[in-house]
Every structure is written in C-alpha cells, then in structure tokens.
C-alpha atoms as a PDB file:
ATOM      1  CA  MET A   1      72.406  14.025  35.851  1.00  0.00           C
ATOM      2  CA  ALA A   2      73.059  16.464  38.698  1.00  0.00           C
ATOM      3  CA  ALA A   3      75.908  14.260  39.913  1.00  0.00           C
ATOM      4  CA  GLY A   4      77.413  14.298  36.418  1.00  0.00           C
ATOM      5  CA  ARG A   5      77.254  18.109  36.248  1.00  0.00           C
ATOM      6  CA  TRP A   6      78.818  18.375  39.728  1.00  0.00           C
ATOM      7  CA  GLY A   7      81.592  15.952  38.700  1.00  0.00           C
ATOM      8  CA  GLY A   8      82.333  18.046  35.592  1.00  0.00           C
ATOM      9  CA  ARG A   9      82.469  21.259  37.626  1.00  0.00           C
ATOM     10  CA  ARG A  10      84.722  19.623  40.188  1.00  0.00           C
ATOM     11  CA  LEU A  11      87.037  18.457  37.424  1.00  0.00           C
ATOM     12  CA  LEU A  12      87.241  21.970  35.981  1.00  0.00           C
ATOM     13  CA  LEU A  13      87.909  23.491  39.413  1.00  0.00           C
ATOM     14  CA  CYS A  14      90.663  20.965  40.082  1.00  0.00           C
ATOM     15  CA  ALA A  15      92.216  21.688  36.688  1.00  0.00           C
ATOM     16  CA  ALA A  16      92.198  25.433  37.382  1.00  0.00           C
ATOM     17  CA  ALA A  17      93.748  24.897  40.806  1.00  0.00           C
ATOM     18  CA  ALA A  18      96.397  22.654  39.323  1.00  0.00           C
ATOM     19  CA  LEU A  19      97.236  25.231  36.657  1.00  0.00           C
ATOM     20  CA  LEU A  20      97.634  27.910  39.294  1.00  0.00           C
ATOM     21  CA  PHE A  21      99.728  25.539  41.360  1.00  0.00           C
ATOM     22  CA  ALA A  22     101.966  24.802  38.381  1.00  0.00           C
ATOM     23  CA  ALA A  23     102.447  28.523  37.780  1.00  0.00           C
ATOM     24  CA  VAL A  24     103.791  29.264  41.279  1.00  0.00           C
ATOM     25  CA  PRO A  25     106.998  31.289  40.716  1.00  0.00           C
ATOM     26  CA  GLY A  26     110.106  32.121  42.631  1.00  0.00           C
ATOM     27  CA  PRO A  27     110.469  30.222  45.921  1.00  0.00           C
ATOM     28  CA  ALA A  28     109.672  26.832  44.434  1.00  0.00           C
ATOM     29  CA  ALA A  29     112.476  27.075  41.897  1.00  0.00           C
ATOM     30  CA  ALA A  30     114.884  28.363  44.498  1.00  0.00           C
ATOM     31  CA  ALA A  31     114.033  25.563  46.893  1.00  0.00           C
ATOM     32  CA  SER A  32     114.372  23.039  44.094  1.00  0.00           C
ATOM     33  CA  SER A  33     117.840  24.287  43.164  1.00  0.00           C
ATOM     34  CA  SER A  34     118.952  24.264  46.795  1.00  0.00           C
ATOM     35  CA  SER A  35     117.568  20.759  47.269  1.00  0.00           C
ATOM     36  CA  SER A  36     119.298  19.477  44.165  1.00  0.00           C
ATOM     37  CA  SER A  37     122.568  21.042  45.271  1.00  0.00           C
ATOM     38  CA  ARG A  38     122.264  19.346  48.647  1.00  0.00           C
ATOM     39  CA  ALA A  39     121.484  16.017  47.049  1.00  0.00           C
ATOM     40  CA  GLY A  40     124.530  16.326  44.836  1.00  0.00           C
ATOM     41  CA  SER A  41     126.979  16.965  47.634  1.00  0.00           C
ATOM     42  CA  PRO A  42     129.817  14.399  47.681  1.00  0.00           C
ATOM     43  CA  GLY A  43     129.345  13.428  51.352  1.00  0.00           C
ATOM     44  CA  GLU A  44     125.867  11.924  50.863  1.00  0.00           C
ATOM     45  CA  PRO A  45     125.197   8.402  49.509  1.00  0.00           C
ATOM     46  CA  ARG A  46     123.534   7.988  46.165  1.00  0.00           C
ATOM     47  CA  SER A  47     119.707   7.959  46.350  1.00  0.00           C
ATOM     48  CA  ARG A  48     117.806   4.866  45.202  1.00  0.00           C
ATOM     49  CA  VAL A  49     114.794   6.982  44.262  1.00  0.00           C
ATOM     50  CA  GLN A  50     114.537   7.299  40.487  1.00  0.00           C
ATOM     51  CA  VAL A  51     113.772  10.808  39.293  1.00  0.00           C
ATOM     52  CA  LEU A  52     111.229  10.927  36.483  1.00  0.00           C
ATOM     53  CA  GLY A  53     110.554  13.685  33.968  1.00  0.00           C
ATOM     54  CA  GLY A  54     108.797  14.315  30.709  1.00  0.00           C
ATOM     55  CA  SER A  55     111.404  12.337  28.765  1.00  0.00           C
ATOM     56  CA  ASN A  56     111.360   9.078  30.768  1.00  0.00           C
ATOM     57  CA  TRP A  57     107.948   9.002  32.474  1.00  0.00           C
ATOM     58  CA  SER A  58     106.821   6.142  30.222  1.00  0.00           C
ATOM     59  CA  LEU A  59     108.983   3.810  32.325  1.00  0.00           C
ATOM     60  CA  VAL A  60     106.134   3.607  34.841  1.00  0.00           C
ATOM     61  CA  LEU A  61     104.016   1.837  32.213  1.00  0.00           C
ATOM     62  CA  GLN A  62     106.104  -1.308  32.725  1.00  0.00           C
ATOM     63  CA  GLY A  63     106.525  -3.200  35.983  1.00  0.00           C
ATOM     64  CA  GLN A  64     105.428  -2.154  39.462  1.00  0.00           C
ATOM     65  CA  TRP A  65     106.066   1.368  40.697  1.00  0.00           C
ATOM     66  CA  MET A  66     105.408   3.661  43.637  1.00  0.00           C
ATOM     67  CA  LEU A  67     105.578   7.254  42.422  1.00  0.00           C
ATOM     68  CA  GLU A  68     105.564  10.425  44.532  1.00  0.00           C
ATOM     69  CA  PHE A  69     104.745  13.915  43.274  1.00  0.00           C
ATOM     70  CA  TYR A  70     106.291  16.563  45.489  1.00  0.00           C
ATOM     71  CA  ALA A  71     107.517  20.131  45.654  1.00  0.00           C
ATOM     72  CA  PRO A  72     110.649  21.232  47.551  1.00  0.00           C
ATOM     73  CA  TRP A  73     108.757  24.009  49.355  1.00  0.00           C
ATOM     74  CA  CYS A  74     105.954  21.678  50.524  1.00  0.00           C
ATOM     75  CA  PRO A  75     106.202  20.959  54.318  1.00  0.00           C
ATOM     76  CA  ALA A  76     104.356  17.626  54.073  1.00  0.00           C
ATOM     77  CA  CYS A  77     106.706  16.542  51.309  1.00  0.00           C
ATOM     78  CA  GLN A  78     109.706  17.415  53.433  1.00  0.00           C
ATOM     79  CA  GLN A  79     108.338  15.329  56.313  1.00  0.00           C
ATOM     80  CA  ILE A  80     108.144  12.117  54.277  1.00  0.00           C
ATOM     81  CA  GLU A  81     111.402  12.662  52.388  1.00  0.00           C
ATOM     82  CA  LEU A  82     113.431  10.364  54.667  1.00  0.00           C
ATOM     83  CA  THR A  83     110.651   7.788  54.760  1.00  0.00           C
ATOM     84  CA  TRP A  84     110.554   7.742  50.987  1.00  0.00           C
ATOM     85  CA  GLU A  85     114.312   7.235  50.817  1.00  0.00           C
ATOM     86  CA  SER A  86     114.103   4.315  53.259  1.00  0.00           C
ATOM     87  CA  PHE A  87     111.237   2.856  51.255  1.00  0.00           C
ATOM     88  CA  ALA A  88     113.395   3.060  48.135  1.00  0.00           C
ATOM     89  CA  LYS A  89     116.190   1.149  49.859  1.00  0.00           C
ATOM     90  CA  GLU A  90     113.791  -1.750  50.421  1.00  0.00           C
ATOM     91  CA  SER A  91     112.573  -1.681  46.829  1.00  0.00           C
ATOM     92  CA  GLU A  92     114.789  -4.576  45.747  1.00  0.00           C
ATOM     93  CA  HIS A  93     113.227  -6.887  48.353  1.00  0.00           C
ATOM     94  CA  LEU A  94     109.743  -5.660  47.454  1.00  0.00           C
ATOM     95  CA  ASP A  95     110.293  -6.148  43.700  1.00  0.00           C
ATOM     96  CA  ILE A  96     109.186  -2.585  43.047  1.00  0.00           C
ATOM     97  CA  THR A  97     110.674   0.635  41.697  1.00  0.00           C
ATOM     98  CA  VAL A  98     110.347   3.834  43.718  1.00  0.00           C
ATOM     99  CA  GLY A  99     110.299   7.147  41.874  1.00  0.00           C
ATOM    100  CA  LYS A 100     109.545  10.817  42.398  1.00  0.00           C
ATOM    101  CA  VAL A 101     108.570  13.828  40.312  1.00  0.00           C
ATOM    102  CA  ASP A 102     109.268  17.468  41.134  1.00  0.00           C
ATOM    103  CA  VAL A 103     106.143  19.325  40.016  1.00  0.00           C
ATOM    104  CA  THR A 104     107.981  22.639  39.910  1.00  0.00           C
ATOM    105  CA  GLN A 105     110.325  21.253  37.278  1.00  0.00           C
ATOM    106  CA  GLU A 106     107.831  18.997  35.478  1.00  0.00           C
ATOM    107  CA  PRO A 107     104.482  20.824  35.235  1.00  0.00           C
ATOM    108  CA  GLY A 108     103.501  18.796  32.197  1.00  0.00           C
ATOM    109  CA  LEU A 109     103.987  15.516  34.022  1.00  0.00           C
ATOM    110  CA  SER A 110     101.994  16.736  37.025  1.00  0.00           C
ATOM    111  CA  GLY A 111      99.215  17.684  34.627  1.00  0.00           C
ATOM    112  CA  ARG A 112      99.344  14.273  32.976  1.00  0.00           C
ATOM    113  CA  PHE A 113      98.707  12.655  36.382  1.00  0.00           C
ATOM    114  CA  PHE A 114      96.307  15.467  37.327  1.00  0.00           C
ATOM    115  CA  VAL A 115      98.102  16.301  40.565  1.00  0.00           C
ATOM    116  CA  THR A 116      96.130  18.824  42.655  1.00  0.00           C
ATOM    117  CA  THR A 117      97.477  18.109  46.161  1.00  0.00           C
ATOM    118  CA  LEU A 118     100.946  17.511  47.564  1.00  0.00           C
ATOM    119  CA  PRO A 119     102.319  15.032  48.197  1.00  0.00           C
ATOM    120  CA  THR A 120     100.474  12.721  45.807  1.00  0.00           C
ATOM    121  CA  ILE A 121     101.450   9.048  45.618  1.00  0.00           C
ATOM    122  CA  TYR A 122     100.477   6.652  42.834  1.00  0.00           C
ATOM    123  CA  HIS A 123     100.880   2.899  42.553  1.00  0.00           C
ATOM    124  CA  ALA A 124     101.397   1.582  39.031  1.00  0.00           C
ATOM    125  CA  ASN A 125     101.339  -2.020  37.893  1.00  0.00           C
ATOM    126  CA  ASP A 126     101.955  -2.559  34.156  1.00  0.00           C
ATOM    127  CA  GLY A 127     100.286   0.716  33.221  1.00  0.00           C
ATOM    128  CA  VAL A 128      97.312   0.422  35.618  1.00  0.00           C
ATOM    129  CA  PHE A 129      97.359   3.311  38.081  1.00  0.00           C
ATOM    130  CA  ARG A 130      95.861   3.531  41.567  1.00  0.00           C
ATOM    131  CA  ARG A 131      95.921   6.473  43.943  1.00  0.00           C
ATOM    132  CA  TYR A 132      97.531   5.676  47.318  1.00  0.00           C
ATOM    133  CA  ARG A 133      95.542   7.292  50.133  1.00  0.00           C
ATOM    134  CA  GLY A 134      96.891   5.406  53.137  1.00  0.00           C
ATOM    135  CA  SER A 135      99.297   6.383  55.865  1.00  0.00           C
ATOM    136  CA  ARG A 136     102.734   7.607  54.792  1.00  0.00           C
ATOM    137  CA  THR A 137     104.728   5.571  57.316  1.00  0.00           C
ATOM    138  CA  LEU A 138     107.344   3.098  56.151  1.00  0.00           C
ATOM    139  CA  GLU A 139     105.433   0.086  57.555  1.00  0.00           C
ATOM    140  CA  ASP A 140     102.205   1.037  55.786  1.00  0.00           C
ATOM    141  CA  LEU A 141     103.968   1.613  52.490  1.00  0.00           C
ATOM    142  CA  GLN A 142     105.699  -1.765  52.679  1.00  0.00           C
ATOM    143  CA  GLY A 143     102.475  -3.529  53.729  1.00  0.00           C
ATOM    144  CA  TYR A 144     100.623  -1.938  50.810  1.00  0.00           C
ATOM    145  CA  VAL A 145     103.023  -3.673  48.430  1.00  0.00           C
ATOM    146  CA  LEU A 146     103.751  -6.937  50.274  1.00  0.00           C
ATOM    147  CA  GLU A 147     100.110  -7.668  51.177  1.00  0.00           C
ATOM    148  CA  ARG A 148      98.928  -6.538  47.736  1.00  0.00           C
ATOM    149  CA  LYS A 149      96.439  -4.136  49.247  1.00  0.00           C
ATOM    150  CA  TRP A 150      96.479  -2.214  46.014  1.00  0.00           C
ATOM    151  CA  GLU A 151      94.286  -4.925  44.439  1.00  0.00           C
ATOM    152  CA  ALA A 152      91.357  -3.738  46.594  1.00  0.00           C
ATOM    153  CA  VAL A 153      91.721  -0.160  45.344  1.00  0.00           C
ATOM    154  CA  GLU A 154      89.732   0.919  42.296  1.00  0.00           C
ATOM    155  CA  PRO A 155      92.091   1.841  39.441  1.00  0.00           C
ATOM    156  CA  VAL A 156      92.048   5.189  37.701  1.00  0.00           C
ATOM    157  CA  ALA A 157      89.432   5.411  34.949  1.00  0.00           C
ATOM    158  CA  GLY A 158      90.661   4.893  31.412  1.00  0.00           C
ATOM    159  CA  TRP A 159      89.944   8.446  30.287  1.00  0.00           C
ATOM    160  CA  LYS A 160      91.945   9.782  33.251  1.00  0.00           C
ATOM    161  CA  SER A 161      94.859   7.432  32.719  1.00  0.00           C
ATOM    162  CA  PRO A 162      98.196   9.250  32.143  1.00  0.00           C
ATOM    163  CA  SER A 163      98.531   7.564  28.759  1.00  0.00           C
ATOM    164  CA  SER A 164      95.052   8.635  27.538  1.00  0.00           C
ATOM    165  CA  ILE A 165      94.444  11.314  24.924  1.00  0.00           C
ATOM    166  CA  MET A 166      92.719  13.587  27.441  1.00  0.00           C
ATOM    167  CA  MET A 167      95.680  13.518  29.793  1.00  0.00           C
ATOM    168  CA  HIS A 168      97.974  14.291  26.859  1.00  0.00           C
ATOM    169  CA  GLY A 169      95.954  17.469  26.397  1.00  0.00           C
ATOM    170  CA  MET A 170      96.106  18.203  30.118  1.00  0.00           C
ATOM    171  CA  ALA A 171      99.888  17.831  30.033  1.00  0.00           C
ATOM    172  CA  GLY A 172      99.995  20.338  27.183  1.00  0.00           C
ATOM    173  CA  LEU A 173      97.980  22.830  29.244  1.00  0.00           C
ATOM    174  CA  PHE A 174     100.355  22.473  32.164  1.00  0.00           C
ATOM    175  CA  HIS A 175     103.317  22.931  29.824  1.00  0.00           C
ATOM    176  CA  LEU A 176     101.644  26.094  28.554  1.00  0.00           C
ATOM    177  CA  SER A 177     101.222  27.371  32.110  1.00  0.00           C
ATOM    178  CA  GLY A 178     104.918  26.841  32.770  1.00  0.00           C
ATOM    179  CA  TRP A 179     105.838  28.627  29.541  1.00  0.00           C
ATOM    180  CA  ILE A 180     103.592  31.579  30.471  1.00  0.00           C
ATOM    181  CA  ARG A 181     105.214  31.716  33.901  1.00  0.00           C
ATOM    182  CA  GLN A 182     108.670  31.890  32.315  1.00  0.00           C
ATOM    183  CA  ILE A 183     107.594  34.701  29.979  1.00  0.00           C
ATOM    184  CA  HIS A 184     106.057  36.611  32.887  1.00  0.00           C
ATOM    185  CA  SER A 185     109.265  36.224  34.901  1.00  0.00           C
ATOM    186  CA  TYR A 186     111.316  37.427  31.934  1.00  0.00           C
ATOM    187  CA  LEU A 187     109.101  40.493  31.393  1.00  0.00           C
ATOM    188  CA  THR A 188     108.976  41.519  35.037  1.00  0.00           C
ATOM    189  CA  GLY A 189     112.463  40.414  36.126  1.00  0.00           C
ATOM    190  CA  THR A 190     114.790  40.793  33.178  1.00  0.00           C
ATOM    191  CA  LEU A 191     113.106  43.650  31.331  1.00  0.00           C
ATOM    192  CA  GLY A 192     111.774  45.371  34.458  1.00  0.00           C
ATOM    193  CA  ILE A 193     108.214  45.766  33.133  1.00  0.00           C
ATOM    194  CA  HIS A 194     105.509  46.455  35.687  1.00  0.00           C
ATOM    195  CA  VAL A 195     103.382  43.467  36.697  1.00  0.00           C
ATOM    196  CA  TRP A 196     100.102  45.013  35.496  1.00  0.00           C
ATOM    197  CA  ILE A 197     101.624  45.825  32.127  1.00  0.00           C
ATOM    198  CA  SER A 198     102.675  42.197  31.828  1.00  0.00           C
ATOM    199  CA  TYR A 199      99.091  41.159  32.643  1.00  0.00           C
ATOM    200  CA  ALA A 200      97.764  43.554  29.992  1.00  0.00           C
ATOM    201  CA  ILE A 201     100.139  42.047  27.419  1.00  0.00           C
ATOM    202  CA  PHE A 202      98.870  38.546  28.226  1.00  0.00           C
ATOM    203  CA  ILE A 203      95.242  39.695  28.007  1.00  0.00           C
ATOM    204  CA  LEU A 204      95.805  41.313  24.614  1.00  0.00           C
ATOM    205  CA  ALA A 205      97.664  38.243  23.361  1.00  0.00           C
ATOM    206  CA  THR A 206      94.816  36.026  24.570  1.00  0.00           C
ATOM    207  CA  LEU A 207      92.230  38.114  22.681  1.00  0.00           C
ATOM    208  CA  LEU A 208      94.252  38.111  19.484  1.00  0.00           C
ATOM    209  CA  ILE A 209      94.869  34.375  19.651  1.00  0.00           C
ATOM    210  CA  GLY A 210      91.171  33.790  20.313  1.00  0.00           C
ATOM    211  CA  LEU A 211      90.172  35.891  17.288  1.00  0.00           C
ATOM    212  CA  PHE A 212      92.686  34.084  15.099  1.00  0.00           C
ATOM    213  CA  LEU A 213      91.486  30.653  16.213  1.00  0.00           C
ATOM    214  CA  GLY A 214      87.865  31.726  15.729  1.00  0.00           C
ATOM    215  CA  LEU A 215      88.634  32.832  12.175  1.00  0.00           C
ATOM    216  CA  ILE A 216      90.270  29.497  11.465  1.00  0.00           C
ATOM    217  CA  LEU A 217      87.240  27.634  12.830  1.00  0.00           C
ATOM    218  CA  VAL A 218      84.899  29.732  10.677  1.00  0.00           C
ATOM    219  CA  LEU A 219      86.957  28.982   7.565  1.00  0.00           C
ATOM    220  CA  ILE A 220      87.035  25.279   8.339  1.00  0.00           C
ATOM    221  CA  SER A 221      83.289  25.155   8.982  1.00  0.00           C
ATOM    222  CA  ASP A 222      82.648  27.077   5.746  1.00  0.00           C
ATOM    223  CA  CYS A 223      84.731  24.579   3.803  1.00  0.00           C
ATOM    224  CA  LEU A 224      83.089  21.545   5.407  1.00  0.00           C
ATOM    225  CA  CYS A 225      79.542  22.944   5.420  1.00  0.00           C
ATOM    226  CA  PRO A 226      79.177  25.541   2.606  1.00  0.00           C
ATOM    227  CA  SER A 227      76.362  28.069   2.690  1.00  0.00           C
ATOM    228  CA  LYS A 228      73.059  27.393   0.925  1.00  0.00           C
ATOM    229  CA  SER A 229      73.557  30.056  -1.762  1.00  0.00           C
ATOM    230  CA  ARG A 230      76.914  28.639  -2.763  1.00  0.00           C
ATOM    231  CA  TYR A 231      75.559  25.124  -2.716  1.00  0.00           C
ATOM    232  CA  ARG A 232      72.653  26.117  -4.938  1.00  0.00           C
ATOM    233  CA  ALA A 233      74.986  27.912  -7.334  1.00  0.00           C
ATOM    234  CA  GLU A 234      77.102  24.794  -7.638  1.00  0.00           C
ATOM    235  CA  THR A 235      74.064  22.535  -8.169  1.00  0.00           C
ATOM    236  CA  SER A 236      71.801  24.889 -10.165  1.00  0.00           C
ATOM    237  CA  GLU A 237      70.742  22.232 -12.664  1.00  0.00           C
ATOM    238  CA  GLU A 238      69.719  19.835  -9.935  1.00  0.00           C
ATOM    239  CA  ALA A 239      67.856  22.624  -8.176  1.00  0.00           C
ATOM    240  CA  ILE A 240      65.976  23.544 -11.383  1.00  0.00           C
ATOM    241  CA  THR A 241      65.043  19.915 -11.965  1.00  0.00           C
ATOM    242  CA  LYS A 242      63.863  19.589  -8.402  1.00  0.00           C
ATOM    243  CA  ASP A 243      61.800  22.770  -8.717  1.00  0.00           C
ATOM    244  CA  ASN A 244      60.184  21.504 -11.913  1.00  0.00           C
ATOM    245  CA  VAL A 245      59.276  18.231 -10.250  1.00  0.00           C
ATOM    246  CA  GLU A 246      57.845  20.054  -7.272  1.00  0.00           C
ATOM    247  CA  ASN A 247      55.841  22.420  -9.496  1.00  0.00           C
ATOM    248  CA  ALA A 248      54.475  19.476 -11.499  1.00  0.00           C
ATOM    249  CA  ALA A 249      53.534  17.747  -8.268  1.00  0.00           C
ATOM    250  CA  LEU A 250      51.760  20.899  -7.096  1.00  0.00           C
ATOM    251  CA  GLU A 251      49.967  21.465 -10.426  1.00  0.00           C
ATOM    252  CA  GLU A 252      48.547  17.939 -10.563  1.00  0.00           C
ATOM    253  CA  PRO A 253      46.347  18.363  -7.474  1.00  0.00           C
ATOM    254  CA  GLU A 254      45.197  21.771  -8.774  1.00  0.00           C
ATOM    255  CA  GLU A 255      44.225  20.284 -12.148  1.00  0.00           C
ATOM    256  CA  ALA A 256      42.469  17.433 -10.416  1.00  0.00           C
ATOM    257  CA  ALA A 257      40.606  19.935  -8.265  1.00  0.00           C
ATOM    258  CA  GLU A 258      39.604  21.974 -11.326  1.00  0.00           C
ATOM    259  CA  LEU A 259      38.406  18.841 -13.139  1.00  0.00           C
ATOM    260  CA  SER A 260      36.395  17.770 -10.131  1.00  0.00           C
ATOM    261  CA  ALA A 261      34.894  21.272  -9.932  1.00  0.00           C
ATOM    262  CA  ASP A 262      33.953  21.133 -13.640  1.00  0.00           C
ATOM    263  CA  ASP A 263      32.442  17.680 -13.184  1.00  0.00           C
ATOM    264  CA  ALA A 264      30.458  18.957 -10.258  1.00  0.00           C
ATOM    265  CA  GLU A 265      29.149  21.906 -12.317  1.00  0.00           C
ATOM    266  CA  GLU A 266      28.168  19.594 -15.191  1.00  0.00           C
ATOM    267  CA  THR A 267      26.397  17.275 -12.792  1.00  0.00           C
ATOM    268  CA  ALA A 268      24.545  20.242 -11.293  1.00  0.00           C
ATOM    269  CA  ASP A 269      23.505  21.439 -14.787  1.00  0.00           C
ATOM    270  CA  VAL A 270      22.277  17.971 -15.751  1.00  0.00           C
ATOM    271  CA  LYS A 271      20.354  17.770 -12.523  1.00  0.00           C
ATOM    272  CA  ASP A 272      18.808  21.189 -13.144  1.00  0.00           C
ATOM    273  CA  LEU A 273      17.804  20.134 -16.678  1.00  0.00           C
ATOM    274  CA  SER A 274      16.273  16.911 -15.434  1.00  0.00           C
ATOM    275  CA  ASP A 275      14.429  18.818 -12.733  1.00  0.00           C
ATOM    276  CA  GLY A 276      13.126  21.295 -15.392  1.00  0.00           C
ATOM    277  CA  GLU A 277      11.965  18.441 -17.614  1.00  0.00           C
ATOM    278  CA  ASP A 278      10.214  16.795 -14.718  1.00  0.00           C
ATOM    279  CA  ALA A 279       8.535  20.082 -13.823  1.00  0.00           C
ATOM    280  CA  ALA A 280       7.467  20.612 -17.449  1.00  0.00           C
ATOM    281  CA  ASN A 281       6.066  17.067 -17.684  1.00  0.00           C
ATOM    282  CA  SER A 282       4.221  17.452 -14.424  1.00  0.00           C
ATOM    283  CA  SER A 283       2.740  20.806 -15.563  1.00  0.00           C
ATOM    284  CA  ALA A 284       1.697  19.268 -18.884  1.00  0.00           C
ATOM    285  CA  ASP A 285       0.021  16.389 -17.072  1.00  0.00           C
ATOM    286  CA  ASP A 286      -1.774  18.841 -14.794  1.00  0.00           C
ATOM    287  CA  SER A 287      -3.002  20.904 -17.773  1.00  0.00           C
ATOM    288  CA  GLU A 288      -4.288  17.766 -19.519  1.00  0.00           C
ATOM    289  CA  GLU A 289      -6.122  16.709 -16.400  1.00  0.00           C
ATOM    290  CA  ASP A 290      -7.662  20.186 -16.098  1.00  0.00           C
ATOM    291  CA  LEU A 291      -8.815  20.093 -19.720  1.00  0.00           C
ATOM    292  CA  ALA A 292     -10.340  16.677 -19.240  1.00  0.00           C
ATOM    293  CA  LEU A 293     -12.177  17.863 -16.145  1.00  0.00           C
ATOM    294  CA  GLU A 294     -13.460  20.954 -17.960  1.00  0.00           C
ATOM    295  CA  LYS A 295     -14.631  18.840 -20.861  1.00  0.00           C
ATOM    296  CA  GLU A 296     -16.520  16.476 -18.585  1.00  0.00           C
ATOM    297  CA  SER A 297     -18.158  19.388 -16.734  1.00  0.00           C
ATOM    298  CA  GLY A 298     -19.220  20.948 -20.086  1.00  0.00           C
ATOM    299  CA  GLU A 299     -20.806  17.703 -21.235  1.00  0.00           C
ATOM    300  CA  GLU A 300     -22.710  17.401 -17.988  1.00  0.00           C
ATOM    301  CA  GLU A 301     -23.991  20.948 -18.361  1.00  0.00           C
ATOM    302  CA  MET A 302     -25.098  20.232 -21.931  1.00  0.00           C
ATOM    303  CA  GLU A 303     -26.952  17.127 -20.786  1.00  0.00           C
ATOM    304  CA  ASP A 304     -28.664  19.152 -18.076  1.00  0.00           C
ATOM    305  CA  LEU A 305     -29.641  21.796 -20.577  1.00  0.00           C
ATOM    306  CA  SER A 306     -30.990  19.174 -23.021  1.00  0.00           C
ATOM    307  CA  GLU A 307     -32.968  17.460 -20.303  1.00  0.00           C
ATOM    308  CA  GLN A 308     -34.491  20.718 -19.001  1.00  0.00           C
ATOM    309  CA  PRO A 309     -36.616  21.501 -22.205  1.00  0.00           C
ATOM    310  CA  LEU A 310     -37.933  17.980 -22.194  1.00  0.00           C
ATOM    311  CA  ALA A 311     -39.096  18.353 -18.670  1.00  0.00           C
ATOM    312  CA  ASP A 312     -40.790  21.655 -19.492  1.00  0.00           C
ATOM    313  CA  SER A 313     -42.564  20.153 -22.492  1.00  0.00           C
ATOM    314  CA  GLU A 314     -43.766  17.229 -20.412  1.00  0.00           C
ATOM    315  CA  THR A 315     -45.147  19.603 -17.824  1.00  0.00           C
ATOM    316  CA  GLU A 316     -47.044  21.667 -20.404  1.00  0.00           C
ATOM    317  CA  SER A 317     -48.530  18.529 -21.975  1.00  0.00           C
ATOM    318  CA  SER A 318     -49.689  17.250 -18.622  1.00  0.00           C
ATOM    319  CA  VAL A 319     -51.331  20.592 -17.815  1.00  0.00           C
ATOM    320  CA  ARG A 320     -53.157  20.649 -21.122  1.00  0.00           C
ATOM    321  CA  LYS A 321     -54.352  17.132 -20.586  1.00  0.00           C
ATOM    322  CA  ARG A 322     -55.754  17.992 -17.165  1.00  0.00           C
ATOM    323  CA  LYS A 323     -57.520  21.049 -18.549  1.00  0.00           C
ATOM    324  CA  SER A 324     -59.147  18.946 -21.256  1.00  0.00           C
ATOM    325  CA  GLN A 325     -60.332  16.425 -18.676  1.00  0.00           C
ATOM    326  CA  VAL A 326     -61.807  19.186 -16.515  1.00  0.00           C
ATOM    327  CA  ALA A 327     -63.619  20.593 -19.523  1.00  0.00           C
ATOM    328  CA  ASP A 328     -65.084  17.254 -20.419  1.00  0.00           C
ATOM    329  CA  ASN A 329     -66.348  16.685 -16.908  1.00  0.00           C
ATOM    330  CA  GLY A 330     -68.051  20.063 -16.932  1.00  0.00           C
ATOM    331  CA  LEU A 331     -69.935  19.389 -19.968  1.00  0.00           C
END
C-alpha cells in the first residue's frame, strides 16, 4: 500500500513538473521559430522526419514508429538532431516511420504521452507504446529496430496509453496550461500589466471558477440524492403507512407484556387464595384435634372423680369392719 501511495505522489509530481515545463514562455518559442526558419531555407534538403501535432498524432497508432519529443532550446535535443535525421534516412530499409514532436508547439500532445524529460523517445508498434531508454547513437537506434529489442521492453500500461481516457484528460490539462501561458503573455506583453497583477487576476479567476463548479456539483448531487425532508414530503403516504406498521409492531409486544403481567397477577392471587384455604383447613384441623384432646382429658378426670368416692367408701367400710372385729374379740 505504501508503494501505491508513493507511485500516486510521484505521478502527481511528474504531472506538475510537466505542466510547468509546458508553460515555459519566451525563449522556447523564439528558438522554435528560428529552427523552423532554418529548416525551411531553400539550400537544405527536405527532412525525412515526419512532424506530428494534435491533428495527426493518431498516425502513430498504425504501423511501427520511433517518435522523439524535443524542444528547440534543449541542449541534449540539439546534440541528437543530426543523428535523428540520419536515422530517418534509414527508415525505409528498417520498415519504420521516424517522427518528432515539438513540445513547445504541442503541449497537449506532450501531455498525452506524459513527457517530463527531454528528449523522450517512444517506440510504437500498432498502438502499443514502449519507452526507449537506450543509447542515442545511430547504431543503437538501428539495432533496437532490426534486432527487435523492443520486444523485451515492457509496454506502457493501458491506463497510461496515449489513447486512453486518462491521457485524454492529461492532454486537456496541458492544453489549458498553454492557453494560460498565452493569456499571461498577452496581459504582461501586449497590455503592459504588471506580472503580479496578472497573477492576482488568475488567482481570482481560479476562485470564481471553483465556486461555480462547486455550486454545479451541489445542484447535481441535490437532484440525484434529494434531502430527507423533501423525500418524505414526496412520499408522505408511504411514510404514514410505514409509521403505522411500526407503531403496531411496537404495540404488540407491549400488549403481550401487559397480558403476561395480568396473568402473573391472577396466578399470584389464585396462589394466595389456595394458600389461605390451606391455612384455614389446617387451623380447623388443629382446633378439632384440640377439642378432641380436651374432651378425652375431661372424661378421664370424670372417671377419676367417680372412682375416688368409691375408694373412700371402701376404706370406711373396711375400718368399720375392723372395729367390729376388735370389739367382738374384747368381749
């Protein structure tokens, strides 16, 4: 994941550098005009290098090409200029087309190929692009084509291909940078406005454009995803029905809970009544047992009382009988 974040940052840095490079004013255009005037002088032979621009760049999508991106003020580009011309002369024997692109005149095309260094050379074979990173000598360039060394080079990823949607957007950004450069040159050169005032105008224009685009995005998002209040107003009947269903679903558990509570109270009352009846029955049984015990104790007492006079009478009769016997013996 860290490698992916670093790759994204590197891509953004390269894009910013390329935009600044495309916006280089003054000397590049002058050098380009002087170079074109020298190339068009009648004493020089016609060049075999095909010049490509925004209108005919799609030619590189067919056949085999070697394409150079250069700038007239670039020293390295000036060093290989003769080599590139000689390489173009041998193009018929190599079955290849040699072309070049002036990035100062075609900022959109340099953005489409994402050119960040000069010179940059690409090999194209039926729309499949490969970056050439070898030596810039004539022998190495010819060997790269004759020996088909380009087959060992990894092609440019599909999303970075010049014909991809992303590179179309990048070309538009580079076109915008060139347009801004022309406006800046017109303000400072033709109208004589100070450089910092021109910068302030661009800053203000950027803020206004950003606010306008933000307003458009807000309107689009509001149309695609309306707010909740508006959505509820539009679907009030459905919302009411949904609320009723939800309320009914909420009331059912409450009613069930109330019923269960009432059942529990009734069960508790029945239990209390049964417990009271049991207590009353047990108390009645205890009272009956007490009465029976009292009755039995009373009967026993009565028997004791009835037996006690008999015993007393028997004692008196026995005493009298003994006295009578004593009296008889005395006589």
